[in-house]
Amino acid sequence: MPKRSKNSRYIVKKIANIRMLYLFQKAHEIFLENRELANRYTYLARRYAQRTKIRVPDEWKKRICHKCKRFLYPGLNYRIRIHSKGKGSHVSLTCFECNKTTRYFIKLKTNQIRSNIQ
């Protein structure tokens, strides 16, 4: 059986990327009617990314719980808070399914810091 060429790997990754984005979009649309189906779509999209070694885009990566791997829909199964004191400025997401808190730290650019000082 011949090996796949580099061109066919590119095609496989391109198809997987299109399917992954489509599944995330469908998970977002159907979440209100059927949460389990949305979680299944999220699982399948992650599997596409793992098998073809492609990255999940950041906009969708932040919509998956890092612990229970469920699809996160704002206000229904996770909470968003913005913190600016203590450990630094960050956004915290708390999943209601597994009670996991994920923090995304906010970096200020040096130009923004200088303009705030003056």
C-alpha atoms as a PDB file:
ATOM      1  CA  MET A   1       0.000   0.000   0.000  1.00  0.00           C
ATOM      2  CA  PRO A   2       1.591   3.304  -1.044  1.00  0.00           C
ATOM      3  CA  LYS A   3       2.181   6.086   1.430  1.00  0.00           C
ATOM      4  CA  ARG A   4       0.143   9.244   1.247  1.00  0.00           C
ATOM      5  CA  SER A   5       1.788  12.198  -0.374  1.00  0.00           C
ATOM      6  CA  LYS A   6       2.156  15.561   1.362  1.00  0.00           C
ATOM      7  CA  ASN A   7      -0.568  16.957  -0.857  1.00  0.00           C
ATOM      8  CA  SER A   8      -3.126  14.405   0.357  1.00  0.00           C
ATOM      9  CA  ARG A   9      -2.222  15.141   4.016  1.00  0.00           C
ATOM     10  CA  TYR A  10      -2.911  18.796   3.338  1.00  0.00           C
ATOM     11  CA  ILE A  11      -6.308  17.911   1.871  1.00  0.00           C
ATOM     12  CA  VAL A  12      -7.168  15.697   4.856  1.00  0.00           C
ATOM     13  CA  LYS A  13      -6.242  18.474   7.296  1.00  0.00           C
ATOM     14  CA  LYS A  14      -8.226  21.032   5.318  1.00  0.00           C
ATOM     15  CA  ILE A  15     -11.339  18.827   5.310  1.00  0.00           C
ATOM     16  CA  ALA A  16     -10.943  18.085   9.034  1.00  0.00           C
ATOM     17  CA  ASN A  17     -10.616  21.794   9.796  1.00  0.00           C
ATOM     18  CA  ILE A  18     -13.793  22.608   7.857  1.00  0.00           C
ATOM     19  CA  ARG A  19     -15.709  19.822   9.624  1.00  0.00           C
ATOM     20  CA  MET A  20     -14.373  20.853  13.030  1.00  0.00           C
ATOM     21  CA  LEU A  21     -15.488  24.468  12.585  1.00  0.00           C
ATOM     22  CA  TYR A  22     -18.875  23.309  11.297  1.00  0.00           C
ATOM     23  CA  LEU A  23     -19.398  21.071  14.348  1.00  0.00           C
ATOM     24  CA  PHE A  24     -18.505  23.876  16.763  1.00  0.00           C
ATOM     25  CA  GLN A  25     -20.931  26.194  15.008  1.00  0.00           C
ATOM     26  CA  LYS A  26     -23.695  23.554  15.139  1.00  0.00           C
ATOM     27  CA  ALA A  27     -22.957  22.907  18.839  1.00  0.00           C
ATOM     28  CA  HIS A  28     -23.449  26.602  19.538  1.00  0.00           C
ATOM     29  CA  GLU A  29     -26.721  26.701  17.594  1.00  0.00           C
ATOM     30  CA  ILE A  30     -28.274  23.546  19.052  1.00  0.00           C
ATOM     31  CA  PHE A  31     -27.165  23.955  22.678  1.00  0.00           C
ATOM     32  CA  LEU A  32     -30.441  25.518  23.814  1.00  0.00           C
ATOM     33  CA  GLU A  33     -32.539  22.634  22.431  1.00  0.00           C
ATOM     34  CA  ASN A  34     -30.274  19.663  23.163  1.00  0.00           C
ATOM     35  CA  ARG A  35     -27.232  19.978  25.425  1.00  0.00           C
ATOM     36  CA  GLU A  36     -26.101  16.375  25.038  1.00  0.00           C
ATOM     37  CA  LEU A  37     -26.002  16.662  21.262  1.00  0.00           C
ATOM     38  CA  ALA A  38     -23.977  19.884  21.560  1.00  0.00           C
ATOM     39  CA  ASN A  39     -21.519  18.072  23.842  1.00  0.00           C
ATOM     40  CA  ARG A  40     -21.305  15.231  21.310  1.00  0.00           C
ATOM     41  CA  TYR A  41     -20.545  17.709  18.509  1.00  0.00           C
ATOM     42  CA  THR A  42     -17.809  19.217  20.668  1.00  0.00           C
ATOM     43  CA  TYR A  43     -16.338  15.770  21.317  1.00  0.00           C
ATOM     44  CA  LEU A  44     -16.302  14.952  17.600  1.00  0.00           C
ATOM     45  CA  ALA A  45     -14.734  18.304  16.701  1.00  0.00           C
ATOM     46  CA  ARG A  46     -11.959  17.756  19.243  1.00  0.00           C
ATOM     47  CA  ARG A  47     -11.358  14.279  17.835  1.00  0.00           C
ATOM     48  CA  TYR A  48     -10.955  15.714  14.329  1.00  0.00           C
ATOM     49  CA  ALA A  49      -8.327  18.092  15.698  1.00  0.00           C
ATOM     50  CA  GLN A  50      -6.492  15.352  17.602  1.00  0.00           C
ATOM     51  CA  ARG A  51      -6.387  12.820  14.788  1.00  0.00           C
ATOM     52  CA  THR A  52      -5.208  15.242  12.127  1.00  0.00           C
ATOM     53  CA  LYS A  53      -2.959  17.246  14.491  1.00  0.00           C
ATOM     54  CA  ILE A  54      -4.585  20.605  13.847  1.00  0.00           C
ATOM     55  CA  ARG A  55      -5.179  23.314  16.420  1.00  0.00           C
ATOM     56  CA  VAL A  56      -8.582  24.216  17.765  1.00  0.00           C
ATOM     57  CA  PRO A  57      -9.060  27.973  17.216  1.00  0.00           C
ATOM     58  CA  ASP A  58      -8.827  30.090  20.369  1.00  0.00           C
ATOM     59  CA  GLU A  59     -12.389  31.353  20.040  1.00  0.00           C
ATOM     60  CA  TRP A  60     -13.677  27.759  20.329  1.00  0.00           C
ATOM     61  CA  LYS A  61     -10.980  26.488  22.682  1.00  0.00           C
ATOM     62  CA  LYS A  62     -12.235  28.889  25.339  1.00  0.00           C
ATOM     63  CA  ARG A  63     -15.768  27.510  24.867  1.00  0.00           C
ATOM     64  CA  ILE A  64     -14.742  24.005  26.046  1.00  0.00           C
ATOM     65  CA  CYS A  65     -14.292  23.187  29.725  1.00  0.00           C
ATOM     66  CA  HIS A  66     -10.716  22.071  30.368  1.00  0.00           C
ATOM     67  CA  LYS A  67     -11.780  19.482  32.927  1.00  0.00           C
ATOM     68  CA  CYS A  68     -15.069  17.898  31.806  1.00  0.00           C
ATOM     69  CA  LYS A  69     -14.666  18.796  28.077  1.00  0.00           C
ATOM     70  CA  ARG A  70     -18.262  20.025  27.750  1.00  0.00           C
ATOM     71  CA  PHE A  71     -19.399  22.844  25.516  1.00  0.00           C
ATOM     72  CA  LEU A  72     -19.732  26.110  27.434  1.00  0.00           C
ATOM     73  CA  TYR A  73     -22.617  28.448  26.686  1.00  0.00           C
ATOM     74  CA  PRO A  74     -22.395  31.827  28.454  1.00  0.00           C
ATOM     75  CA  GLY A  75     -24.903  32.361  31.233  1.00  0.00           C
ATOM     76  CA  LEU A  76     -26.330  28.838  31.110  1.00  0.00           C
ATOM     77  CA  ASN A  77     -23.541  26.528  32.153  1.00  0.00           C
ATOM     78  CA  TYR A  78     -20.635  28.844  32.902  1.00  0.00           C
ATOM     79  CA  ARG A  79     -19.974  32.191  34.547  1.00  0.00           C
ATOM     80  CA  ILE A  80     -17.595  34.936  33.364  1.00  0.00           C
ATOM     81  CA  ARG A  81     -15.911  37.306  35.802  1.00  0.00           C
ATOM     82  CA  ILE A  82     -13.313  40.005  35.231  1.00  0.00           C
ATOM     83  CA  HIS A  83     -10.731  40.533  37.989  1.00  0.00           C
ATOM     84  CA  SER A  84      -8.226  43.353  38.115  1.00  0.00           C
ATOM     85  CA  LYS A  85      -6.600  42.950  41.536  1.00  0.00           C
ATOM     86  CA  GLY A  86      -4.633  40.306  43.388  1.00  0.00           C
ATOM     87  CA  LYS A  87      -2.986  37.934  40.924  1.00  0.00           C
ATOM     88  CA  GLY A  88      -3.200  40.488  38.134  1.00  0.00           C
ATOM     89  CA  SER A  89      -5.832  41.303  35.590  1.00  0.00           C
ATOM     90  CA  HIS A  90      -7.583  38.190  34.352  1.00  0.00           C
ATOM     91  CA  VAL A  91     -10.874  36.787  33.155  1.00  0.00           C
ATOM     92  CA  SER A  92     -12.154  33.768  35.069  1.00  0.00           C
ATOM     93  CA  LEU A  93     -14.596  31.243  33.644  1.00  0.00           C
ATOM     94  CA  THR A  94     -16.375  28.884  36.055  1.00  0.00           C
ATOM     95  CA  CYS A  95     -18.041  25.769  34.655  1.00  0.00           C
ATOM     96  CA  PHE A  96     -21.284  24.873  36.448  1.00  0.00           C
ATOM     97  CA  GLU A  97     -21.003  21.190  35.464  1.00  0.00           C
ATOM     98  CA  CYS A  98     -17.698  20.396  37.204  1.00  0.00           C
ATOM     99  CA  ASN A  99     -17.091  23.671  39.137  1.00  0.00           C
ATOM    100  CA  LYS A 100     -13.674  24.172  37.454  1.00  0.00           C
ATOM    101  CA  THR A 101     -12.372  27.744  37.273  1.00  0.00           C
ATOM    102  CA  THR A 102     -10.159  28.656  34.324  1.00  0.00           C
ATOM    103  CA  ARG A 103      -8.255  31.930  34.250  1.00  0.00           C
ATOM    104  CA  TYR A 104      -7.113  33.813  31.167  1.00  0.00           C
ATOM    105  CA  PHE A 105      -4.623  36.519  32.068  1.00  0.00           C
ATOM    106  CA  ILE A 106      -4.790  39.858  30.298  1.00  0.00           C
ATOM    107  CA  LYS A 107      -1.510  41.324  29.094  1.00  0.00           C
ATOM    108  CA  LEU A 108      -1.292  45.070  28.654  1.00  0.00           C
ATOM    109  CA  LYS A 109       0.882  46.328  25.837  1.00  0.00           C
ATOM    110  CA  THR A 110       3.707  48.680  26.799  1.00  0.00           C
ATOM    111  CA  ASN A 111       2.101  51.505  24.794  1.00  0.00           C
ATOM    112  CA  GLN A 112      -1.120  51.189  26.808  1.00  0.00           C
ATOM    113  CA  ILE A 113       0.781  51.264  30.099  1.00  0.00           C
ATOM    114  CA  ARG A 114       2.678  54.410  29.104  1.00  0.00           C
ATOM    115  CA  SER A 115      -0.500  56.190  27.968  1.00  0.00           C
ATOM    116  CA  ASN A 116      -2.219  55.340  31.256  1.00  0.00           C
ATOM    117  CA  ILE A 117       0.648  56.820  33.262  1.00  0.00           C
ATOM    118  CA  GLN A 118       0.732  60.143  31.418  1.00  0.00           C
END
